[in-house]
Amino acid sequence: MEKIVFTPEGEEPVQFCVLEQTRLGGIDYILVTDSEEGDGEALILRDMSAVDDKEAVYEIVTEDEELNAVAAVFENMLEDIELS
C-alpha cells in the first residue's frame, strides 16, 4: 500500500495510506486512511497542484455535493468499503 506524508503548515507531519485514486471532472482525488488495518479515519483529498509544482498539494474535500459524488465513485471502485 502506498504511503504519503502530509506536512500541514505549523504542524507535525502526518502519514496516510492511499487506498485509491481517481479523476473526476478533470480533478484528481485520492482516498486515504490513517490506518493500514481495520477501521480508520478516511479522507478524500483533492489535488490542488499546479502542473509545474515539485510536490503535490492536496486539500480535504468538505463540500457536501462534491464529497458525495467522489465518495460514490470510490465506493464503486472498492466493493468492500462504505464511506459515510
PDB file of N, CA and C in Angstrom:
ATOM      1  N   MET A   1       0.848  -1.167   0.000  1.00  0.00           N
ATOM      2  CA  MET A   1       0.000   0.000   0.000  1.00  0.00           C
ATOM      3  C   MET A   1       0.901   1.240   0.000  1.00  0.00           C
ATOM      4  N   GLU A   2       0.618   2.147  -0.903  1.00  0.00           N
ATOM      5  CA  GLU A   2       1.406   3.370  -0.991  1.00  0.00           C
ATOM      6  C   GLU A   2       1.125   4.265   0.213  1.00  0.00           C
ATOM      7  N   LYS A   3       2.170   4.866   0.740  1.00  0.00           N
ATOM      8  CA  LYS A   3       2.038   5.789   1.868  1.00  0.00           C
ATOM      9  C   LYS A   3       2.522   7.162   1.432  1.00  0.00           C
ATOM     10  N   ILE A   4       1.850   8.185   1.949  1.00  0.00           N
ATOM     11  CA  ILE A   4       2.262   9.552   1.681  1.00  0.00           C
ATOM     12  C   ILE A   4       2.306  10.314   2.998  1.00  0.00           C
ATOM     13  N   VAL A   5       3.146  11.312   3.033  1.00  0.00           N
ATOM     14  CA  VAL A   5       3.292  12.127   4.233  1.00  0.00           C
ATOM     15  C   VAL A   5       2.811  13.538   3.926  1.00  0.00           C
ATOM     16  N   PHE A   6       1.907  14.026   4.762  1.00  0.00           N
ATOM     17  CA  PHE A   6       1.422  15.390   4.646  1.00  0.00           C
ATOM     18  C   PHE A   6       2.092  16.230   5.715  1.00  0.00           C
ATOM     19  N   THR A   7       2.457  17.430   5.342  1.00  0.00           N
ATOM     20  CA  THR A   7       3.094  18.335   6.277  1.00  0.00           C
ATOM     21  C   THR A   7       2.288  19.634   6.326  1.00  0.00           C
ATOM     22  N   PRO A   8       1.246  19.650   7.164  1.00  0.00           N
ATOM     23  CA  PRO A   8       0.459  20.883   7.300  1.00  0.00           C
ATOM     24  C   PRO A   8       1.325  21.996   7.890  1.00  0.00           C
ATOM     25  N   GLU A   9       1.079  23.227   7.462  1.00  0.00           N
ATOM     26  CA  GLU A   9       1.870  24.356   7.944  1.00  0.00           C
ATOM     27  C   GLU A   9       1.775  24.453   9.456  1.00  0.00           C
ATOM     28  N   GLY A  10       2.942  24.516  10.099  1.00  0.00           N
ATOM     29  CA  GLY A  10       2.996  24.697  11.546  1.00  0.00           C
ATOM     30  C   GLY A  10       2.647  23.469  12.360  1.00  0.00           C
ATOM     31  N   GLU A  11       2.487  22.314  11.714  1.00  0.00           N
ATOM     32  CA  GLU A  11       2.106  21.099  12.426  1.00  0.00           C
ATOM     33  C   GLU A  11       3.089  19.979  12.121  1.00  0.00           C
ATOM     34  N   GLU A  12       3.004  18.924  12.901  1.00  0.00           N
ATOM     35  CA  GLU A  12       3.832  17.749  12.687  1.00  0.00           C
ATOM     36  C   GLU A  12       3.386  17.021  11.418  1.00  0.00           C
ATOM     37  N   PRO A  13       4.303  16.382  10.701  1.00  0.00           N
ATOM     38  CA  PRO A  13       3.928  15.578   9.525  1.00  0.00           C
ATOM     39  C   PRO A  13       2.990  14.427   9.921  1.00  0.00           C
ATOM     40  N   VAL A  14       2.080  14.095   9.026  1.00  0.00           N
ATOM     41  CA  VAL A  14       1.110  13.023   9.240  1.00  0.00           C
ATOM     42  C   VAL A  14       1.218  12.045   8.080  1.00  0.00           C
ATOM     43  N   GLN A  15       1.299  10.753   8.386  1.00  0.00           N
ATOM     44  CA  GLN A  15       1.400   9.726   7.338  1.00  0.00           C
ATOM     45  C   GLN A  15       0.029   9.116   7.073  1.00  0.00           C
ATOM     46  N   PHE A  16      -0.311   8.960   5.800  1.00  0.00           N
ATOM     47  CA  PHE A  16      -1.555   8.330   5.380  1.00  0.00           C
ATOM     48  C   PHE A  16      -1.253   7.215   4.394  1.00  0.00           C
ATOM     49  N   CYS A  17      -2.145   6.249   4.346  1.00  0.00           N
ATOM     50  CA  CYS A  17      -2.076   5.169   3.364  1.00  0.00           C
ATOM     51  C   CYS A  17      -3.078   5.497   2.260  1.00  0.00           C
ATOM     52  N   VAL A  18      -2.638   5.417   1.016  1.00  0.00           N
ATOM     53  CA  VAL A  18      -3.506   5.702  -0.126  1.00  0.00           C
ATOM     54  C   VAL A  18      -4.254   4.430  -0.490  1.00  0.00           C
ATOM     55  N   LEU A  19      -5.585   4.493  -0.418  1.00  0.00           N
ATOM     56  CA  LEU A  19      -6.415   3.345  -0.761  1.00  0.00           C
ATOM     57  C   LEU A  19      -6.735   3.296  -2.248  1.00  0.00           C
ATOM     58  N   GLU A  20      -6.989   4.465  -2.832  1.00  0.00           N
ATOM     59  CA  GLU A  20      -7.388   4.511  -4.241  1.00  0.00           C
ATOM     60  C   GLU A  20      -7.242   5.943  -4.738  1.00  0.00           C
ATOM     61  N   GLN A  21      -7.215   6.095  -6.055  1.00  0.00           N
ATOM     62  CA  GLN A  21      -7.206   7.421  -6.673  1.00  0.00           C
ATOM     63  C   GLN A  21      -8.111   7.405  -7.886  1.00  0.00           C
ATOM     64  N   THR A  22      -8.629   8.572  -8.243  1.00  0.00           N
ATOM     65  CA  THR A  22      -9.496   8.682  -9.400  1.00  0.00           C
ATOM     66  C   THR A  22      -9.431  10.106  -9.942  1.00  0.00           C
ATOM     67  N   ARG A  23      -9.955  10.266 -11.136  1.00  0.00           N
ATOM     68  CA  ARG A  23     -10.048  11.588 -11.774  1.00  0.00           C
ATOM     69  C   ARG A  23     -11.504  11.793 -12.125  1.00  0.00           C
ATOM     70  N   LEU A  24     -12.050  12.914 -11.699  1.00  0.00           N
ATOM     71  CA  LEU A  24     -13.464  13.201 -11.907  1.00  0.00           C
ATOM     72  C   LEU A  24     -13.604  14.673 -12.288  1.00  0.00           C
ATOM     73  N   GLY A  25     -14.189  14.926 -13.434  1.00  0.00           N
ATOM     74  CA  GLY A  25     -14.363  16.304 -13.885  1.00  0.00           C
ATOM     75  C   GLY A  25     -13.048  17.037 -14.068  1.00  0.00           C
ATOM     76  N   GLY A  26     -11.999  16.304 -14.459  1.00  0.00           N
ATOM     77  CA  GLY A  26     -10.698  16.909 -14.689  1.00  0.00           C
ATOM     78  C   GLY A  26      -9.895  17.175 -13.421  1.00  0.00           C
ATOM     79  N   ILE A  27     -10.403  16.707 -12.274  1.00  0.00           N
ATOM     80  CA  ILE A  27      -9.712  16.912 -10.994  1.00  0.00           C
ATOM     81  C   ILE A  27      -9.303  15.551 -10.444  1.00  0.00           C
ATOM     82  N   ASP A  28      -8.073  15.464  -9.934  1.00  0.00           N
ATOM     83  CA  ASP A  28      -7.581  14.226  -9.326  1.00  0.00           C
ATOM     84  C   ASP A  28      -7.943  14.197  -7.847  1.00  0.00           C
ATOM     85  N   TYR A  29      -8.378  13.014  -7.389  1.00  0.00           N
ATOM     86  CA  TYR A  29      -8.734  12.804  -5.989  1.00  0.00           C
ATOM     87  C   TYR A  29      -8.030  11.550  -5.492  1.00  0.00           C
ATOM     88  N   ILE A  30      -7.709  11.535  -4.189  1.00  0.00           N
ATOM     89  CA  ILE A  30      -7.196  10.323  -3.569  1.00  0.00           C
ATOM     90  C   ILE A  30      -8.017  10.037  -2.314  1.00  0.00           C
ATOM     91  N   LEU A  31      -8.180   8.758  -2.039  1.00  0.00           N
ATOM     92  CA  LEU A  31      -8.832   8.293  -0.825  1.00  0.00           C
ATOM     93  C   LEU A  31      -7.726   7.785   0.077  1.00  0.00           C
ATOM     94  N   VAL A  32      -7.600   8.362   1.265  1.00  0.00           N
ATOM     95  CA  VAL A  32      -6.539   7.986   2.189  1.00  0.00           C
ATOM     96  C   VAL A  32      -7.138   7.568   3.524  1.00  0.00           C
ATOM     97  N   THR A  33      -6.349   6.804   4.280  1.00  0.00           N
ATOM     98  CA  THR A  33      -6.740   6.403   5.626  1.00  0.00           C
ATOM     99  C   THR A  33      -5.547   6.535   6.551  1.00  0.00           C
ATOM    100  N   ASP A  34      -5.831   6.680   7.832  1.00  0.00           N
ATOM    101  CA  ASP A  34      -4.754   6.801   8.809  1.00  0.00           C
ATOM    102  C   ASP A  34      -4.369   5.458   9.416  1.00  0.00           C
ATOM    103  N   SER A  35      -4.984   4.370   8.934  1.00  0.00           N
ATOM    104  CA  SER A  35      -4.721   3.047   9.490  1.00  0.00           C
ATOM    105  C   SER A  35      -4.538   2.035   8.372  1.00  0.00           C
ATOM    106  N   GLU A  36      -3.467   1.243   8.453  1.00  0.00           N
ATOM    107  CA  GLU A  36      -3.228   0.217   7.436  1.00  0.00           C
ATOM    108  C   GLU A  36      -4.192  -0.955   7.575  1.00  0.00           C
ATOM    109  N   GLU A  37      -4.622  -1.221   8.789  1.00  0.00           N
ATOM    110  CA  GLU A  37      -5.507  -2.358   9.048  1.00  0.00           C
ATOM    111  C   GLU A  37      -6.708  -1.913   9.859  1.00  0.00           C
ATOM    112  N   GLY A  38      -7.823  -2.587   9.646  1.00  0.00           N
ATOM    113  CA  GLY A  38      -9.012  -2.310  10.438  1.00  0.00           C
ATOM    114  C   GLY A  38      -9.661  -0.989  10.072  1.00  0.00           C
ATOM    115  N   ASP A  39     -10.556  -0.568  10.953  1.00  0.00           N
ATOM    116  CA  ASP A  39     -11.281   0.676  10.732  1.00  0.00           C
ATOM    117  C   ASP A  39     -10.405   1.859  11.091  1.00  0.00           C
ATOM    118  N   GLY A  40     -10.336   2.789  10.206  1.00  0.00           N
ATOM    119  CA  GLY A  40      -9.562   4.001  10.442  1.00  0.00           C
ATOM    120  C   GLY A  40     -10.315   5.190   9.891  1.00  0.00           C
ATOM    121  N   GLU A  41      -9.792   6.348  10.130  1.00  0.00           N
ATOM    122  CA  GLU A  41     -10.349   7.577   9.601  1.00  0.00           C
ATOM    123  C   GLU A  41     -10.004   7.661   8.115  1.00  0.00           C
ATOM    124  N   ALA A  42     -11.002   7.883   7.279  1.00  0.00           N
ATOM    125  CA  ALA A  42     -10.774   8.014   5.844  1.00  0.00           C
ATOM    126  C   ALA A  42     -11.065   9.447   5.418  1.00  0.00           C
ATOM    127  N   LEU A  43     -10.262   9.941   4.495  1.00  0.00           N
ATOM    128  CA  LEU A  43     -10.439  11.287   3.958  1.00  0.00           C
ATOM    129  C   LEU A  43     -10.345  11.237   2.443  1.00  0.00           C
ATOM    130  N   ILE A  44     -11.094  12.100   1.795  1.00  0.00           N
ATOM    131  CA  ILE A  44     -10.970  12.282   0.352  1.00  0.00           C
ATOM    132  C   ILE A  44     -10.268  13.613   0.148  1.00  0.00           C
ATOM    133  N   LEU A  45      -9.194  13.568  -0.610  1.00  0.00           N
ATOM    134  CA  LEU A  45      -8.380  14.754  -0.841  1.00  0.00           C
ATOM    135  C   LEU A  45      -8.387  15.125  -2.316  1.00  0.00           C
ATOM    136  N   ARG A  46      -8.460  16.424  -2.589  1.00  0.00           N
ATOM    137  CA  ARG A  46      -8.450  16.967  -3.948  1.00  0.00           C
ATOM    138  C   ARG A  46      -7.046  17.489  -4.234  1.00  0.00           C
ATOM    139  N   ASP A  47      -6.525  17.143  -5.405  1.00  0.00           N
ATOM    140  CA  ASP A  47      -5.206  17.611  -5.823  1.00  0.00           C
ATOM    141  C   ASP A  47      -5.321  19.054  -6.312  1.00  0.00           C
ATOM    142  N   MET A  48      -4.641  19.939  -5.615  1.00  0.00           N
ATOM    143  CA  MET A  48      -4.670  21.362  -5.952  1.00  0.00           C
ATOM    144  C   MET A  48      -3.366  21.814  -6.606  1.00  0.00           C
ATOM    145  N   SER A  49      -2.499  20.861  -6.970  1.00  0.00           N
ATOM    146  CA  SER A  49      -1.179  21.165  -7.508  1.00  0.00           C
ATOM    147  C   SER A  49      -1.258  21.810  -8.882  1.00  0.00           C
ATOM    148  N   ALA A  50      -0.335  22.716  -9.110  1.00  0.00           N
ATOM    149  CA  ALA A  50      -0.153  23.261 -10.453  1.00  0.00           C
ATOM    150  C   ALA A  50       0.739  22.298 -11.225  1.00  0.00           C
ATOM    151  N   VAL A  51       0.682  22.350 -12.527  1.00  0.00           N
ATOM    152  CA  VAL A  51       1.438  21.436 -13.376  1.00  0.00           C
ATOM    153  C   VAL A  51       2.930  21.470 -13.057  1.00  0.00           C
ATOM    154  N   ASP A  52       3.456  22.641 -12.751  1.00  0.00           N
ATOM    155  CA  ASP A  52       4.890  22.769 -12.518  1.00  0.00           C
ATOM    156  C   ASP A  52       5.310  22.673 -11.045  1.00  0.00           C
ATOM    157  N   ASP A  53       4.394  22.319 -10.136  1.00  0.00           N
ATOM    158  CA  ASP A  53       4.734  22.145  -8.723  1.00  0.00           C
ATOM    159  C   ASP A  53       5.631  20.932  -8.535  1.00  0.00           C
ATOM    160  N   LYS A  54       6.648  21.085  -7.680  1.00  0.00           N
ATOM    161  CA  LYS A  54       7.553  19.971  -7.395  1.00  0.00           C
ATOM    162  C   LYS A  54       6.908  18.932  -6.495  1.00  0.00           C
ATOM    163  N   GLU A  55       6.023  19.363  -5.601  1.00  0.00           N
ATOM    164  CA  GLU A  55       5.331  18.468  -4.696  1.00  0.00           C
ATOM    165  C   GLU A  55       3.835  18.650  -4.869  1.00  0.00           C
ATOM    166  N   ALA A  56       3.097  17.582  -4.620  1.00  0.00           N
ATOM    167  CA  ALA A  56       1.646  17.646  -4.728  1.00  0.00           C
ATOM    168  C   ALA A  56       1.075  18.469  -3.575  1.00  0.00           C
ATOM    169  N   VAL A  57       0.011  19.190  -3.860  1.00  0.00           N
ATOM    170  CA  VAL A  57      -0.690  19.978  -2.861  1.00  0.00           C
ATOM    171  C   VAL A  57      -2.127  19.470  -2.825  1.00  0.00           C
ATOM    172  N   TYR A  58      -2.553  18.985  -1.655  1.00  0.00           N
ATOM    173  CA  TYR A  58      -3.893  18.438  -1.509  1.00  0.00           C
ATOM    174  C   TYR A  58      -4.666  19.214  -0.464  1.00  0.00           C
ATOM    175  N   GLU A  59      -5.984  19.220  -0.641  1.00  0.00           N
ATOM    176  CA  GLU A  59      -6.856  19.760   0.400  1.00  0.00           C
ATOM    177  C   GLU A  59      -7.992  18.776   0.622  1.00  0.00           C
ATOM    178  N   ILE A  60      -8.496  18.759   1.837  1.00  0.00           N
ATOM    179  CA  ILE A  60      -9.589  17.853   2.194  1.00  0.00           C
ATOM    180  C   ILE A  60     -10.865  18.334   1.530  1.00  0.00           C
ATOM    181  N   VAL A  61     -11.608  17.420   0.914  1.00  0.00           N
ATOM    182  CA  VAL A  61     -12.888  17.751   0.296  1.00  0.00           C
ATOM    183  C   VAL A  61     -13.919  17.869   1.417  1.00  0.00           C
ATOM    184  N   THR A  62     -14.537  19.043   1.531  1.00  0.00           N
ATOM    185  CA  THR A  62     -15.518  19.272   2.596  1.00  0.00           C
ATOM    186  C   THR A  62     -16.898  19.647   2.064  1.00  0.00           C
ATOM    187  N   GLU A  63     -16.974  20.090   0.834  1.00  0.00           N
ATOM    188  CA  GLU A  63     -18.259  20.499   0.260  1.00  0.00           C
ATOM    189  C   GLU A  63     -19.092  19.245   0.017  1.00  0.00           C
ATOM    190  N   ASP A  64     -20.313  19.210   0.572  1.00  0.00           N
ATOM    191  CA  ASP A  64     -21.145  18.002   0.586  1.00  0.00           C
ATOM    192  C   ASP A  64     -21.405  17.401  -0.786  1.00  0.00           C
ATOM    193  N   GLU A  65     -21.765  18.209  -1.761  1.00  0.00           N
ATOM    194  CA  GLU A  65     -22.099  17.688  -3.086  1.00  0.00           C
ATOM    195  C   GLU A  65     -20.889  17.018  -3.741  1.00  0.00           C
ATOM    196  N   GLU A  66     -19.753  17.681  -3.678  1.00  0.00           N
ATOM    197  CA  GLU A  66     -18.523  17.126  -4.243  1.00  0.00           C
ATOM    198  C   GLU A  66     -18.106  15.869  -3.472  1.00  0.00           C
ATOM    199  N   LEU A  67     -18.171  15.922  -2.142  1.00  0.00           N
ATOM    200  CA  LEU A  67     -17.799  14.792  -1.302  1.00  0.00           C
ATOM    201  C   LEU A  67     -18.655  13.569  -1.605  1.00  0.00           C
ATOM    202  N   ASN A  68     -19.959  13.752  -1.724  1.00  0.00           N
ATOM    203  CA  ASN A  68     -20.869  12.631  -2.018  1.00  0.00           C
ATOM    204  C   ASN A  68     -20.598  12.033  -3.392  1.00  0.00           C
ATOM    205  N   ALA A  69     -20.331  12.870  -4.380  1.00  0.00           N
ATOM    206  CA  ALA A  69     -20.071  12.380  -5.743  1.00  0.00           C
ATOM    207  C   ALA A  69     -18.785  11.566  -5.794  1.00  0.00           C
ATOM    208  N   VAL A  70     -17.729  12.076  -5.180  1.00  0.00           N
ATOM    209  CA  VAL A  70     -16.445  11.381  -5.215  1.00  0.00           C
ATOM    210  C   VAL A  70     -16.501  10.122  -4.347  1.00  0.00           C
ATOM    211  N   ALA A  71     -17.172  10.196  -3.201  1.00  0.00           N
ATOM    212  CA  ALA A  71     -17.316   9.021  -2.328  1.00  0.00           C
ATOM    213  C   ALA A  71     -18.034   7.896  -3.062  1.00  0.00           C
ATOM    214  N   ALA A  72     -19.053   8.224  -3.852  1.00  0.00           N
ATOM    215  CA  ALA A  72     -19.783   7.209  -4.613  1.00  0.00           C
ATOM    216  C   ALA A  72     -18.861   6.516  -5.619  1.00  0.00           C
ATOM    217  N   VAL A  73     -17.975   7.273  -6.253  1.00  0.00           N
ATOM    218  CA  VAL A  73     -17.025   6.690  -7.203  1.00  0.00           C
ATOM    219  C   VAL A  73     -16.094   5.726  -6.473  1.00  0.00           C
ATOM    220  N   PHE A  74     -15.547   6.156  -5.341  1.00  0.00           N
ATOM    221  CA  PHE A  74     -14.638   5.295  -4.580  1.00  0.00           C
ATOM    222  C   PHE A  74     -15.354   4.047  -4.056  1.00  0.00           C
ATOM    223  N   GLU A  75     -16.608   4.174  -3.621  1.00  0.00           N
ATOM    224  CA  GLU A  75     -17.357   3.002  -3.147  1.00  0.00           C
ATOM    225  C   GLU A  75     -17.543   1.989  -4.269  1.00  0.00           C
ATOM    226  N   ASN A  76     -17.776   2.461  -5.485  1.00  0.00           N
ATOM    227  CA  ASN A  76     -17.909   1.549  -6.632  1.00  0.00           C
ATOM    228  C   ASN A  76     -16.581   0.879  -6.962  1.00  0.00           C
ATOM    229  N   MET A  77     -15.488   1.603  -6.788  1.00  0.00           N
ATOM    230  CA  MET A  77     -14.168   1.057  -7.093  1.00  0.00           C
ATOM    231  C   MET A  77     -13.726   0.023  -6.052  1.00  0.00           C
ATOM    232  N   LEU A  78     -14.096   0.255  -4.817  1.00  0.00           N
ATOM    233  CA  LEU A  78     -13.685  -0.595  -3.706  1.00  0.00           C
ATOM    234  C   LEU A  78     -14.936  -1.213  -3.091  1.00  0.00           C
ATOM    235  N   GLU A  79     -15.288  -2.383  -3.558  1.00  0.00           N
ATOM    236  CA  GLU A  79     -16.541  -3.015  -3.173  1.00  0.00           C
ATOM    237  C   GLU A  79     -16.692  -3.253  -1.689  1.00  0.00           C
ATOM    238  N   ASP A  80     -15.587  -3.428  -0.950  1.00  0.00           N
ATOM    239  CA  ASP A  80     -15.666  -3.760   0.462  1.00  0.00           C
ATOM    240  C   ASP A  80     -15.588  -2.532   1.373  1.00  0.00           C
ATOM    241  N   ILE A  81     -15.717  -1.328   0.800  1.00  0.00           N
ATOM    242  CA  ILE A  81     -15.643  -0.111   1.597  1.00  0.00           C
ATOM    243  C   ILE A  81     -16.941   0.661   1.483  1.00  0.00           C
ATOM    244  N   GLU A  82     -17.422   1.124   2.651  1.00  0.00           N
ATOM    245  CA  GLU A  82     -18.583   2.012   2.663  1.00  0.00           C
ATOM    246  C   GLU A  82     -18.149   3.315   3.296  1.00  0.00           C
ATOM    247  N   LEU A  83     -18.269   4.400   2.564  1.00  0.00           N
ATOM    248  CA  LEU A  83     -17.874   5.709   3.067  1.00  0.00           C
ATOM    249  C   LEU A  83     -19.116   6.448   3.556  1.00  0.00           C
ATOM    250  N   SER A  84     -19.080   6.864   4.801  1.00  0.00           N
ATOM    251  CA  SER A  84     -20.219   7.621   5.336  1.00  0.00           C
ATOM    252  C   SER A  84     -19.767   8.664   6.293  1.00  0.00           C
TER     253      SER A  84
END
